[in-house]
Amino acid sequence: MTDSTPYSLPPQPGRWRAIALAAVVHAALFAFLWFGVNWQNQTPVAVEAEVWSPQAKEAAPHAVAEPPPPLPEKQVARPQPKPAPVAAPPPPRDETPQPKAPDIALEREKQRREQVRERANEAARQEAKAQAQETERRKAQALKAEDQHRQKLQDQADQKRADLREQKREQQREQQREQQQAAQVAQAADAAARKKADELKKQVAEKQRRAEAASDQKLAIQREEQLRRLTESAGSGDAPKSQGARADPSYTQKVGAKIRNNTVFNGADEVSGNPSVEIAVELLPDGSIRRLRKTKASGVPGFDEAVTRAIEKSQPFPPDKSGQVPSGFTVSHKPKDQ
């Protein structure tokens, strides 16, 4: 096949460029290894300081560090030169190190720096201690102020509660005074009302007594008039032939019920006990009252008068079972039996 045939392989591009790049990388790696080995083999410079006293003896010489052996060089094949004449070696030099003089200034500077450092450290410690004490003082002062504020609030609350209690007690005392004044006013009003009621009651009783007295006087006049007519009739022969005897118990009970119904007495609740009054009633033949006689008083004049008025109001009395009016009977009445 010729180069012009379509089946020929194309040339590989960049082949020489890759070879050159690989050579550069290997050269750089070799240089790095060379300089690294030389740097590690260099002897470090040592700095030492010694302190000498006046009686101190000379110190032994310091051992001098031997230089490292040189690295073997690459053996390159060179043409062999002609041998030169051999020269005599020079005499060896005395390389024994001489002792250094004591560096007093350096030691003093070192001591001065140490003292400065110690003073600085001490000043720092004192400053930290002072700051700690100041912090504790401020903290204690803050706690004290807080306690004083809390105590002040507590005192104010206690005083407020005491003021409220005193105000409540004063209100209670004022209410008690008002209640006492109201009770006194009520008692005075009640006493005035009772006094007025008693006066009114007395006035009513007086009016009633006067009315009863007038009625009694009127009844007495009527009885006298009846008695006069009966006497005149007896003289002319028109009077009844006879009059019945004293009333029996059934008649007395019957007329006693009528008398109780006609009795008006409103003070029964004020009467102590239940005393009775007894009144003997003498009748005329027509059933009217001839005479009333109180045989036993109840001790309550008002009640006795009320019973007397009721007897007078109940006349004329009816005849008994025999058809005749009894000559008389006795009434017994109690205030609480109405």
C-alpha atoms as a PDB file:
ATOM      1  CA  MET A   1       0.000   0.000   0.000  1.00  0.00           C
ATOM      2  CA  THR A   2       1.125   3.473  -0.701  1.00  0.00           C
ATOM      3  CA  ASP A   3       0.649   6.563   1.515  1.00  0.00           C
ATOM      4  CA  SER A   4      -2.133   7.714  -0.718  1.00  0.00           C
ATOM      5  CA  THR A   5      -4.325   4.728  -0.066  1.00  0.00           C
ATOM      6  CA  PRO A   6      -7.372   5.259   2.141  1.00  0.00           C
ATOM      7  CA  TYR A   7      -6.318   2.424   4.431  1.00  0.00           C
ATOM      8  CA  SER A   8      -3.107   4.061   5.752  1.00  0.00           C
ATOM      9  CA  LEU A   9      -2.962   4.968   9.573  1.00  0.00           C
ATOM     10  CA  PRO A  10      -2.801   8.670  10.419  1.00  0.00           C
ATOM     11  CA  PRO A  11       0.252   9.952  12.342  1.00  0.00           C
ATOM     12  CA  GLN A  12      -0.137  10.212  16.164  1.00  0.00           C
ATOM     13  CA  PRO A  13      -0.144  13.903  17.108  1.00  0.00           C
ATOM     14  CA  GLY A  14       1.729  15.292  20.271  1.00  0.00           C
ATOM     15  CA  ARG A  15       4.080  12.365  20.749  1.00  0.00           C
ATOM     16  CA  TRP A  16       7.244  14.448  21.054  1.00  0.00           C
ATOM     17  CA  ARG A  17       5.510  16.942  23.297  1.00  0.00           C
ATOM     18  CA  ALA A  18       4.608  14.215  25.822  1.00  0.00           C
ATOM     19  CA  ILE A  19       8.187  12.923  25.826  1.00  0.00           C
ATOM     20  CA  ALA A  20       9.508  16.412  26.535  1.00  0.00           C
ATOM     21  CA  LEU A  21       7.034  16.967  29.370  1.00  0.00           C
ATOM     22  CA  ALA A  22       8.012  13.680  31.043  1.00  0.00           C
ATOM     23  CA  ALA A  23      11.692  14.626  30.868  1.00  0.00           C
ATOM     24  CA  VAL A  24      11.027  18.003  32.529  1.00  0.00           C
ATOM     25  CA  VAL A  25       9.075  16.374  35.378  1.00  0.00           C
ATOM     26  CA  HIS A  26      11.860  13.874  36.046  1.00  0.00           C
ATOM     27  CA  ALA A  27      14.452  16.636  36.097  1.00  0.00           C
ATOM     28  CA  ALA A  28      12.396  18.693  38.583  1.00  0.00           C
ATOM     29  CA  LEU A  29      11.982  15.646  40.846  1.00  0.00           C
ATOM     30  CA  PHE A  30      15.710  14.982  40.793  1.00  0.00           C
ATOM     31  CA  ALA A  31      16.476  18.600  41.691  1.00  0.00           C
ATOM     32  CA  PHE A  32      14.004  18.528  44.614  1.00  0.00           C
ATOM     33  CA  LEU A  33      15.594  15.374  46.037  1.00  0.00           C
ATOM     34  CA  TRP A  34      19.090  16.883  45.690  1.00  0.00           C
ATOM     35  CA  PHE A  35      18.304  20.095  47.544  1.00  0.00           C
ATOM     36  CA  GLY A  36      16.344  18.218  50.242  1.00  0.00           C
ATOM     37  CA  VAL A  37      19.279  15.996  51.091  1.00  0.00           C
ATOM     38  CA  ASN A  38      21.707  18.942  51.242  1.00  0.00           C
ATOM     39  CA  TRP A  39      19.360  20.955  53.567  1.00  0.00           C
ATOM     40  CA  GLN A  40      19.025  18.090  56.053  1.00  0.00           C
ATOM     41  CA  ASN A  41      22.804  17.573  56.198  1.00  0.00           C
ATOM     42  CA  GLN A  42      23.651  21.175  57.147  1.00  0.00           C
ATOM     43  CA  THR A  43      24.858  21.627  60.767  1.00  0.00           C
ATOM     44  CA  PRO A  44      22.535  23.969  62.808  1.00  0.00           C
ATOM     45  CA  VAL A  45      24.146  26.976  64.466  1.00  0.00           C
ATOM     46  CA  ALA A  46      24.147  26.571  68.303  1.00  0.00           C
ATOM     47  CA  VAL A  47      24.002  29.570  70.664  1.00  0.00           C
ATOM     48  CA  GLU A  48      25.127  28.973  74.237  1.00  0.00           C
ATOM     49  CA  ALA A  49      25.620  31.218  77.287  1.00  0.00           C
ATOM     50  CA  GLU A  50      27.692  30.405  80.342  1.00  0.00           C
ATOM     51  CA  VAL A  51      27.799  31.983  83.812  1.00  0.00           C
ATOM     52  CA  TRP A  52      31.218  32.370  85.382  1.00  0.00           C
ATOM     53  CA  SER A  53      31.933  32.948  89.034  1.00  0.00           C
ATOM     54  CA  PRO A  54      35.201  34.516  90.252  1.00  0.00           C
ATOM     55  CA  GLN A  55      36.383  31.187  91.648  1.00  0.00           C
ATOM     56  CA  ALA A  56      35.243  29.170  88.644  1.00  0.00           C
ATOM     57  CA  LYS A  57      37.867  27.277  86.759  1.00  0.00           C
ATOM     58  CA  GLU A  58      38.209  27.274  83.052  1.00  0.00           C
ATOM     59  CA  ALA A  59      35.623  25.174  81.356  1.00  0.00           C
ATOM     60  CA  ALA A  60      36.507  22.357  79.096  1.00  0.00           C
ATOM     61  CA  PRO A  61      36.487  23.208  75.420  1.00  0.00           C
ATOM     62  CA  HIS A  62      33.325  22.522  73.527  1.00  0.00           C
ATOM     63  CA  ALA A  63      33.385  19.713  71.088  1.00  0.00           C
ATOM     64  CA  VAL A  64      33.304  20.985  67.561  1.00  0.00           C
ATOM     65  CA  ALA A  65      30.711  19.300  65.442  1.00  0.00           C
ATOM     66  CA  GLU A  66      32.276  17.446  62.538  1.00  0.00           C
ATOM     67  CA  PRO A  67      31.043  18.458  59.114  1.00  0.00           C
ATOM     68  CA  PRO A  68      28.969  15.853  57.330  1.00  0.00           C
ATOM     69  CA  PRO A  69      30.702  13.813  54.676  1.00  0.00           C
ATOM     70  CA  PRO A  70      30.184  15.160  51.203  1.00  0.00           C
ATOM     71  CA  LEU A  71      27.802  13.368  48.973  1.00  0.00           C
ATOM     72  CA  PRO A  72      29.415  11.185  46.352  1.00  0.00           C
ATOM     73  CA  GLU A  73      29.545  12.848  43.053  1.00  0.00           C
ATOM     74  CA  LYS A  74      28.534  11.246  39.884  1.00  0.00           C
ATOM     75  CA  GLN A  75      31.367   9.418  38.339  1.00  0.00           C
ATOM     76  CA  VAL A  76      31.801  10.726  34.854  1.00  0.00           C
ATOM     77  CA  ALA A  77      34.114   9.023  32.558  1.00  0.00           C
ATOM     78  CA  ARG A  78      36.806  11.550  31.671  1.00  0.00           C
ATOM     79  CA  PRO A  79      40.054  11.120  29.921  1.00  0.00           C
ATOM     80  CA  GLN A  80      42.892  10.361  32.354  1.00  0.00           C
ATOM     81  CA  PRO A  81      45.223  13.361  32.719  1.00  0.00           C
ATOM     82  CA  LYS A  82      48.861  13.046  33.107  1.00  0.00           C
ATOM     83  CA  PRO A  83      50.049  12.601  36.692  1.00  0.00           C
ATOM     84  CA  ALA A  84      51.230  15.852  38.321  1.00  0.00           C
ATOM     85  CA  PRO A  85      54.058  16.133  40.763  1.00  0.00           C
ATOM     86  CA  VAL A  86      52.966  15.448  44.359  1.00  0.00           C
ATOM     87  CA  ALA A  87      53.384  18.411  46.753  1.00  0.00           C
ATOM     88  CA  ALA A  88      54.205  18.037  50.440  1.00  0.00           C
ATOM     89  CA  PRO A  89      51.167  18.396  52.758  1.00  0.00           C
ATOM     90  CA  PRO A  90      51.068  21.502  54.978  1.00  0.00           C
ATOM     91  CA  PRO A  91      51.533  21.067  58.717  1.00  0.00           C
ATOM     92  CA  PRO A  92      48.240  20.508  60.632  1.00  0.00           C
ATOM     93  CA  ARG A  93      46.689  23.534  62.382  1.00  0.00           C
ATOM     94  CA  ASP A  94      45.804  23.544  66.059  1.00  0.00           C
ATOM     95  CA  GLU A  95      41.975  23.525  65.956  1.00  0.00           C
ATOM     96  CA  THR A  96      41.439  23.243  69.742  1.00  0.00           C
ATOM     97  CA  PRO A  97      38.649  25.788  70.630  1.00  0.00           C
ATOM     98  CA  GLN A  98      39.561  28.482  73.055  1.00  0.00           C
ATOM     99  CA  PRO A  99      37.244  28.960  76.116  1.00  0.00           C
ATOM    100  CA  LYS A 100      34.822  31.890  75.830  1.00  0.00           C
ATOM    101  CA  ALA A 101      34.846  34.704  78.330  1.00  0.00           C
ATOM    102  CA  PRO A 102      31.786  34.814  80.609  1.00  0.00           C
ATOM    103  CA  ASP A 103      29.089  37.041  79.134  1.00  0.00           C
ATOM    104  CA  ILE A 104      28.157  38.951  82.351  1.00  0.00           C
ATOM    105  CA  ALA A 105      26.149  41.570  80.494  1.00  0.00           C
ATOM    106  CA  LEU A 106      24.061  38.863  78.846  1.00  0.00           C
ATOM    107  CA  GLU A 107      23.374  37.199  82.204  1.00  0.00           C
ATOM    108  CA  ARG A 108      22.437  40.523  83.772  1.00  0.00           C
ATOM    109  CA  GLU A 109      20.122  41.262  80.878  1.00  0.00           C
ATOM    110  CA  LYS A 110      18.593  37.825  81.338  1.00  0.00           C
ATOM    111  CA  GLN A 111      18.122  38.419  85.076  1.00  0.00           C
ATOM    112  CA  ARG A 112      16.666  41.860  84.391  1.00  0.00           C
ATOM    113  CA  ARG A 113      14.213  40.404  81.911  1.00  0.00           C
ATOM    114  CA  GLU A 114      13.286  37.660  84.394  1.00  0.00           C
ATOM    115  CA  GLN A 115      12.678  40.284  87.087  1.00  0.00           C
ATOM    116  CA  VAL A 116      10.619  42.376  84.686  1.00  0.00           C
ATOM    117  CA  ARG A 117       8.608  39.300  83.739  1.00  0.00           C
ATOM    118  CA  GLU A 118       8.068  38.405  87.416  1.00  0.00           C
ATOM    119  CA  ARG A 119       7.040  41.984  88.234  1.00  0.00           C
ATOM    120  CA  ALA A 120       4.671  41.957  85.276  1.00  0.00           C
ATOM    121  CA  ASN A 121       3.237  38.624  86.389  1.00  0.00           C
ATOM    122  CA  GLU A 122       2.874  39.907  89.968  1.00  0.00           C
ATOM    123  CA  ALA A 123       1.230  43.093  88.720  1.00  0.00           C
ATOM    124  CA  ALA A 124      -1.117  40.990  86.580  1.00  0.00           C
ATOM    125  CA  ARG A 125      -1.945  38.793  89.595  1.00  0.00           C
ATOM    126  CA  GLN A 126      -2.558  41.858  91.758  1.00  0.00           C
ATOM    127  CA  GLU A 127      -4.709  43.399  89.026  1.00  0.00           C
ATOM    128  CA  ALA A 128      -6.722  40.174  88.662  1.00  0.00           C
ATOM    129  CA  LYS A 129      -7.085  39.960  92.446  1.00  0.00           C
ATOM    130  CA  ALA A 130      -8.216  43.592  92.619  1.00  0.00           C
ATOM    131  CA  GLN A 131     -10.667  43.014  89.792  1.00  0.00           C
ATOM    132  CA  ALA A 132     -12.016  39.902  91.540  1.00  0.00           C
ATOM    133  CA  GLN A 133     -12.372  41.830  94.801  1.00  0.00           C
ATOM    134  CA  GLU A 134     -14.097  44.691  92.973  1.00  0.00           C
ATOM    135  CA  THR A 135     -16.422  42.199  91.284  1.00  0.00           C
ATOM    136  CA  GLU A 136     -17.236  40.587  94.635  1.00  0.00           C
ATOM    137  CA  ARG A 137     -17.761  44.027  96.191  1.00  0.00           C
ATOM    138  CA  ARG A 138     -20.113  45.089  93.418  1.00  0.00           C
ATOM    139  CA  LYS A 139     -21.922  41.761  93.604  1.00  0.00           C
ATOM    140  CA  ALA A 140     -22.340  42.097  97.384  1.00  0.00           C
ATOM    141  CA  GLN A 141     -23.448  45.704  96.954  1.00  0.00           C
ATOM    142  CA  ALA A 142     -25.990  44.639  94.312  1.00  0.00           C
ATOM    143  CA  LEU A 143     -27.288  41.851  96.573  1.00  0.00           C
ATOM    144  CA  LYS A 144     -27.528  44.296  99.473  1.00  0.00           C
ATOM    145  CA  ALA A 145     -29.395  46.809  97.310  1.00  0.00           C
ATOM    146  CA  GLU A 146     -31.721  44.050  96.104  1.00  0.00           C
ATOM    147  CA  ASP A 147     -32.372  42.926  99.686  1.00  0.00           C
ATOM    148  CA  GLN A 148     -33.043  46.514 100.733  1.00  0.00           C
ATOM    149  CA  HIS A 149     -35.430  46.975  97.803  1.00  0.00           C
ATOM    150  CA  ARG A 150     -37.202  43.698  98.612  1.00  0.00           C
ATOM    151  CA  GLN A 151     -37.437  44.678 102.284  1.00  0.00           C
ATOM    152  CA  LYS A 152     -38.788  48.077 101.281  1.00  0.00           C
ATOM    153  CA  LEU A 153     -41.457  46.450  99.114  1.00  0.00           C
ATOM    154  CA  GLN A 154     -42.298  44.052 101.967  1.00  0.00           C
ATOM    155  CA  ASP A 155     -42.582  46.957 104.414  1.00  0.00           C
ATOM    156  CA  GLN A 156     -44.810  48.843 101.994  1.00  0.00           C
ATOM    157  CA  ALA A 157     -47.026  45.766 101.538  1.00  0.00           C
ATOM    158  CA  ASP A 158     -47.229  45.252 105.318  1.00  0.00           C
ATOM    159  CA  GLN A 159     -48.078  48.921 105.838  1.00  0.00           C
ATOM    160  CA  LYS A 160     -50.736  48.733 103.131  1.00  0.00           C
ATOM    161  CA  ARG A 161     -52.299  45.650 104.740  1.00  0.00           C
ATOM    162  CA  ALA A 162     -52.209  47.369 108.139  1.00  0.00           C
ATOM    163  CA  ASP A 163     -53.860  50.459 106.643  1.00  0.00           C
ATOM    164  CA  LEU A 164     -56.546  48.286 105.049  1.00  0.00           C
ATOM    165  CA  ARG A 165     -57.190  46.508 108.358  1.00  0.00           C
ATOM    166  CA  GLU A 166     -57.407  49.833 110.183  1.00  0.00           C
ATOM    167  CA  GLN A 167     -59.724  51.198 107.496  1.00  0.00           C
ATOM    168  CA  LYS A 168     -61.915  48.094 107.791  1.00  0.00           C
ATOM    169  CA  ARG A 169     -62.031  48.430 111.584  1.00  0.00           C
ATOM    170  CA  GLU A 170     -62.937  52.113 111.229  1.00  0.00           C
ATOM    171  CA  GLN A 171     -65.716  51.189 108.801  1.00  0.00           C
ATOM    172  CA  GLN A 172     -66.990  48.587 111.264  1.00  0.00           C
ATOM    173  CA  ARG A 173     -66.928  51.143 114.082  1.00  0.00           C
ATOM    174  CA  GLU A 174     -68.761  53.632 111.869  1.00  0.00           C
ATOM    175  CA  GLN A 175     -71.364  50.985 111.002  1.00  0.00           C
ATOM    176  CA  GLN A 176     -71.783  50.176 114.690  1.00  0.00           C
ATOM    177  CA  ARG A 177     -72.257  53.868 115.481  1.00  0.00           C
ATOM    178  CA  GLU A 178     -74.803  54.181 112.685  1.00  0.00           C
ATOM    179  CA  GLN A 179     -76.610  51.047 113.883  1.00  0.00           C
ATOM    180  CA  GLN A 180     -76.654  52.360 117.452  1.00  0.00           C
ATOM    181  CA  GLN A 181     -77.982  55.701 116.277  1.00  0.00           C
ATOM    182  CA  ALA A 182     -80.607  53.950 114.150  1.00  0.00           C
ATOM    183  CA  ALA A 183     -81.555  51.748 117.116  1.00  0.00           C
ATOM    184  CA  GLN A 184     -81.821  54.798 119.351  1.00  0.00           C
ATOM    185  CA  VAL A 185     -83.972  56.580 116.772  1.00  0.00           C
ATOM    186  CA  ALA A 186     -86.123  53.458 116.392  1.00  0.00           C
ATOM    187  CA  GLN A 187     -86.449  53.125 120.158  1.00  0.00           C
ATOM    188  CA  ALA A 188     -87.384  56.778 120.460  1.00  0.00           C
ATOM    189  CA  ALA A 189     -89.903  56.417 117.637  1.00  0.00           C
ATOM    190  CA  ASP A 190     -91.280  53.246 119.212  1.00  0.00           C
ATOM    191  CA  ALA A 191     -91.543  54.917 122.592  1.00  0.00           C
ATOM    192  CA  ALA A 192     -93.272  57.903 121.013  1.00  0.00           C
ATOM    193  CA  ALA A 193     -95.615  55.584 119.127  1.00  0.00           C
ATOM    194  CA  ARG A 194     -96.388  53.614 122.287  1.00  0.00           C
ATOM    195  CA  LYS A 195     -96.967  56.836 124.196  1.00  0.00           C
ATOM    196  CA  LYS A 196     -99.246  58.119 121.478  1.00  0.00           C
ATOM    197  CA  ALA A 197    -101.076  54.782 121.348  1.00  0.00           C
ATOM    198  CA  ASP A 198    -101.470  54.802 125.117  1.00  0.00           C
ATOM    199  CA  GLU A 199    -102.820  58.326 125.012  1.00  0.00           C
ATOM    200  CA  LEU A 200    -105.190  57.393 122.205  1.00  0.00           C
ATOM    201  CA  LYS A 201    -106.223  54.289 124.095  1.00  0.00           C
ATOM    202  CA  LYS A 202    -106.852  56.346 127.195  1.00  0.00           C
ATOM    203  CA  GLN A 203    -108.888  58.794 125.180  1.00  0.00           C
ATOM    204  CA  VAL A 204    -110.939  55.972 123.671  1.00  0.00           C
ATOM    205  CA  ALA A 205    -111.362  54.387 127.093  1.00  0.00           C
ATOM    206  CA  GLU A 206    -112.418  57.721 128.523  1.00  0.00           C
ATOM    207  CA  LYS A 207    -114.935  58.221 125.745  1.00  0.00           C
ATOM    208  CA  GLN A 208    -116.190  54.682 126.207  1.00  0.00           C
ATOM    209  CA  ARG A 209    -116.423  55.181 129.945  1.00  0.00           C
ATOM    210  CA  ARG A 210    -118.390  58.355 129.483  1.00  0.00           C
ATOM    211  CA  ALA A 211    -120.657  56.671 126.958  1.00  0.00           C
ATOM    212  CA  GLU A 212    -121.146  53.742 129.294  1.00  0.00           C
ATOM    213  CA  ALA A 213    -121.823  56.090 132.176  1.00  0.00           C
ATOM    214  CA  ALA A 214    -124.418  57.871 130.096  1.00  0.00           C
ATOM    215  CA  SER A 215    -125.879  54.529 129.084  1.00  0.00           C
ATOM    216  CA  ASP A 216    -125.881  53.362 132.692  1.00  0.00           C
ATOM    217  CA  GLN A 217    -127.576  56.560 133.734  1.00  0.00           C
ATOM    218  CA  LYS A 218    -130.108  56.114 130.976  1.00  0.00           C
ATOM    219  CA  LEU A 219    -130.724  52.492 131.982  1.00  0.00           C
ATOM    220  CA  ALA A 220    -131.076  53.512 135.597  1.00  0.00           C
ATOM    221  CA  ILE A 221    -133.669  56.077 134.638  1.00  0.00           C
ATOM    222  CA  GLN A 222    -135.443  53.443 132.557  1.00  0.00           C
ATOM    223  CA  ARG A 223    -135.384  50.979 135.452  1.00  0.00           C
ATOM    224  CA  GLU A 224    -136.759  53.574 137.828  1.00  0.00           C
ATOM    225  CA  GLU A 225    -139.470  54.393 135.320  1.00  0.00           C
ATOM    226  CA  GLN A 226    -140.330  50.723 134.923  1.00  0.00           C
ATOM    227  CA  LEU A 227    -140.320  50.193 138.654  1.00  0.00           C
ATOM    228  CA  ARG A 228    -142.601  53.172 139.069  1.00  0.00           C
ATOM    229  CA  ARG A 229    -144.999  51.809 136.460  1.00  0.00           C
ATOM    230  CA  LEU A 230    -144.952  48.366 138.017  1.00  0.00           C
ATOM    231  CA  THR A 231    -145.628  49.843 141.433  1.00  0.00           C
ATOM    232  CA  GLU A 232    -148.512  51.795 140.065  1.00  0.00           C
ATOM    233  CA  SER A 233    -149.823  48.692 138.281  1.00  0.00           C
ATOM    234  CA  ALA A 234    -149.542  46.661 141.469  1.00  0.00           C
ATOM    235  CA  GLY A 235    -151.567  49.238 143.299  1.00  0.00           C
ATOM    236  CA  SER A 236    -154.296  49.115 140.654  1.00  0.00           C
ATOM    237  CA  GLY A 237    -154.358  45.239 140.473  1.00  0.00           C
ATOM    238  CA  ASP A 238    -152.810  44.862 136.970  1.00  0.00           C
ATOM    239  CA  ALA A 239    -149.528  43.260 138.168  1.00  0.00           C
ATOM    240  CA  PRO A 240    -148.839  39.553 137.719  1.00  0.00           C
ATOM    241  CA  LYS A 241    -150.041  37.332 140.470  1.00  0.00           C
ATOM    242  CA  SER A 242    -146.625  35.865 141.236  1.00  0.00           C
ATOM    243  CA  GLN A 243    -142.924  35.627 140.077  1.00  0.00           C
ATOM    244  CA  GLY A 244    -140.760  32.533 139.736  1.00  0.00           C
ATOM    245  CA  ALA A 245    -137.997  31.530 142.135  1.00  0.00           C
ATOM    246  CA  ARG A 246    -134.254  31.799 141.529  1.00  0.00           C
ATOM    247  CA  ALA A 247    -133.079  30.547 138.144  1.00  0.00           C
ATOM    248  CA  ASP A 248    -131.833  26.975 137.794  1.00  0.00           C
ATOM    249  CA  PRO A 249    -128.320  26.123 136.374  1.00  0.00           C
ATOM    250  CA  SER A 250    -129.602  25.514 132.836  1.00  0.00           C
ATOM    251  CA  TYR A 251    -131.248  28.935 132.732  1.00  0.00           C
ATOM    252  CA  THR A 252    -128.117  30.559 134.161  1.00  0.00           C
ATOM    253  CA  GLN A 253    -125.957  28.804 131.499  1.00  0.00           C
ATOM    254  CA  LYS A 254    -128.303  29.931 128.738  1.00  0.00           C
ATOM    255  CA  VAL A 255    -128.380  33.602 129.731  1.00  0.00           C
ATOM    256  CA  GLY A 256    -124.618  33.429 130.543  1.00  0.00           C
ATOM    257  CA  ALA A 257    -123.863  32.499 126.897  1.00  0.00           C
ATOM    258  CA  LYS A 258    -125.908  35.471 125.731  1.00  0.00           C
ATOM    259  CA  ILE A 259    -124.038  37.773 128.126  1.00  0.00           C
ATOM    260  CA  ARG A 260    -120.643  36.454 126.872  1.00  0.00           C
ATOM    261  CA  ASN A 261    -121.645  37.180 123.272  1.00  0.00           C
ATOM    262  CA  ASN A 262    -122.502  40.765 124.227  1.00  0.00           C
ATOM    263  CA  THR A 263    -119.249  41.299 126.180  1.00  0.00           C
ATOM    264  CA  VAL A 264    -116.757  43.569 124.389  1.00  0.00           C
ATOM    265  CA  PHE A 265    -113.242  43.566 125.942  1.00  0.00           C
ATOM    266  CA  ASN A 266    -110.039  43.921 123.871  1.00  0.00           C
ATOM    267  CA  GLY A 267    -107.449  43.676 126.627  1.00  0.00           C
ATOM    268  CA  ALA A 268    -107.706  39.961 127.363  1.00  0.00           C
ATOM    269  CA  ASP A 269    -104.148  39.301 126.080  1.00  0.00           C
ATOM    270  CA  GLU A 270    -102.712  41.802 128.531  1.00  0.00           C
ATOM    271  CA  VAL A 271    -104.423  40.233 131.550  1.00  0.00           C
ATOM    272  CA  SER A 272    -102.203  38.045 133.705  1.00  0.00           C
ATOM    273  CA  GLY A 273    -103.950  34.735 134.242  1.00  0.00           C
ATOM    274  CA  ASN A 274    -107.703  34.303 133.734  1.00  0.00           C
ATOM    275  CA  PRO A 275    -109.522  35.811 136.771  1.00  0.00           C
ATOM    276  CA  SER A 276    -113.342  35.657 136.970  1.00  0.00           C
ATOM    277  CA  VAL A 277    -115.941  38.221 137.957  1.00  0.00           C
ATOM    278  CA  GLU A 278    -119.265  37.267 139.607  1.00  0.00           C
ATOM    279  CA  ILE A 279    -122.357  39.532 139.440  1.00  0.00           C
ATOM    280  CA  ALA A 280    -125.730  38.840 141.100  1.00  0.00           C
ATOM    281  CA  VAL A 281    -128.671  39.865 138.888  1.00  0.00           C
ATOM    282  CA  GLU A 282    -132.123  40.584 140.336  1.00  0.00           C
ATOM    283  CA  LEU A 283    -134.972  40.679 137.803  1.00  0.00           C
ATOM    284  CA  LEU A 284    -138.426  42.179 137.628  1.00  0.00           C
ATOM    285  CA  PRO A 285    -141.438  40.083 136.566  1.00  0.00           C
ATOM    286  CA  ASP A 286    -141.146  41.434 132.976  1.00  0.00           C
ATOM    287  CA  GLY A 287    -137.482  40.253 132.669  1.00  0.00           C
ATOM    288  CA  SER A 288    -135.836  43.640 133.114  1.00  0.00           C
ATOM    289  CA  ILE A 289    -133.076  44.247 135.629  1.00  0.00           C
ATOM    290  CA  ARG A 290    -134.015  45.372 139.053  1.00  0.00           C
ATOM    291  CA  ARG A 291    -130.523  45.528 140.496  1.00  0.00           C
ATOM    292  CA  LEU A 292    -126.934  44.394 139.806  1.00  0.00           C
ATOM    293  CA  ARG A 293    -124.529  43.531 142.607  1.00  0.00           C
ATOM    294  CA  LYS A 294    -120.890  42.540 142.091  1.00  0.00           C
ATOM    295  CA  THR A 295    -120.148  39.730 144.519  1.00  0.00           C
ATOM    296  CA  LYS A 296    -116.561  39.001 143.270  1.00  0.00           C
ATOM    297  CA  ALA A 297    -114.234  41.317 141.350  1.00  0.00           C
ATOM    298  CA  SER A 298    -111.742  39.996 138.765  1.00  0.00           C
ATOM    299  CA  GLY A 299    -109.123  42.605 139.558  1.00  0.00           C
ATOM    300  CA  VAL A 300    -109.500  44.054 136.052  1.00  0.00           C
ATOM    301  CA  PRO A 301    -111.899  47.004 136.330  1.00  0.00           C
ATOM    302  CA  GLY A 302    -112.275  47.311 132.592  1.00  0.00           C
ATOM    303  CA  PHE A 303    -113.393  43.699 132.288  1.00  0.00           C
ATOM    304  CA  ASP A 304    -115.856  44.019 135.204  1.00  0.00           C
ATOM    305  CA  GLU A 305    -117.440  47.065 133.557  1.00  0.00           C
ATOM    306  CA  ALA A 306    -117.600  45.232 130.215  1.00  0.00           C
ATOM    307  CA  VAL A 307    -119.502  42.316 131.821  1.00  0.00           C
ATOM    308  CA  THR A 308    -121.886  44.733 133.571  1.00  0.00           C
ATOM    309  CA  ARG A 309    -122.635  46.449 130.260  1.00  0.00           C
ATOM    310  CA  ALA A 310    -123.174  43.071 128.583  1.00  0.00           C
ATOM    311  CA  ILE A 311    -125.756  42.083 131.291  1.00  0.00           C
ATOM    312  CA  GLU A 312    -127.594  45.353 130.825  1.00  0.00           C
ATOM    313  CA  LYS A 313    -127.497  44.914 127.061  1.00  0.00           C
ATOM    314  CA  SER A 314    -128.942  41.390 127.306  1.00  0.00           C
ATOM    315  CA  GLN A 315    -132.227  42.447 129.060  1.00  0.00           C
ATOM    316  CA  PRO A 316    -135.078  41.734 129.060  1.00  0.00           C
ATOM    317  CA  PHE A 317    -134.335  38.149 130.062  1.00  0.00           C
ATOM    318  CA  PRO A 318    -136.694  35.386 128.950  1.00  0.00           C
ATOM    319  CA  PRO A 319    -138.851  33.265 131.272  1.00  0.00           C
ATOM    320  CA  ASP A 320    -137.623  29.841 132.335  1.00  0.00           C
ATOM    321  CA  LYS A 321    -139.163  26.421 131.637  1.00  0.00           C
ATOM    322  CA  SER A 322    -142.115  27.166 133.955  1.00  0.00           C
ATOM    323  CA  GLY A 323    -143.075  30.181 131.879  1.00  0.00           C
ATOM    324  CA  GLN A 324    -142.199  32.660 134.598  1.00  0.00           C
ATOM    325  CA  VAL A 325    -139.245  35.031 134.815  1.00  0.00           C
ATOM    326  CA  PRO A 326    -136.924  33.971 137.662  1.00  0.00           C
ATOM    327  CA  SER A 327    -136.354  36.416 140.461  1.00  0.00           C
ATOM    328  CA  GLY A 328    -132.621  36.447 139.811  1.00  0.00           C
ATOM    329  CA  PHE A 329    -129.402  34.579 138.939  1.00  0.00           C
ATOM    330  CA  THR A 330    -125.609  34.921 139.337  1.00  0.00           C
ATOM    331  CA  VAL A 331    -123.272  35.388 136.365  1.00  0.00           C
ATOM    332  CA  SER A 332    -119.601  34.167 136.486  1.00  0.00           C
ATOM    333  CA  HIS A 333    -117.442  35.289 133.586  1.00  0.00           C
ATOM    334  CA  LYS A 334    -113.653  35.202 132.718  1.00  0.00           C
ATOM    335  CA  PRO A 335    -111.842  37.507 130.241  1.00  0.00           C
ATOM    336  CA  LYS A 336    -110.252  34.681 128.231  1.00  0.00           C
ATOM    337  CA  ASP A 337    -113.472  32.641 127.994  1.00  0.00           C
ATOM    338  CA  GLN A 338    -115.127  34.976 125.503  1.00  0.00           C
END
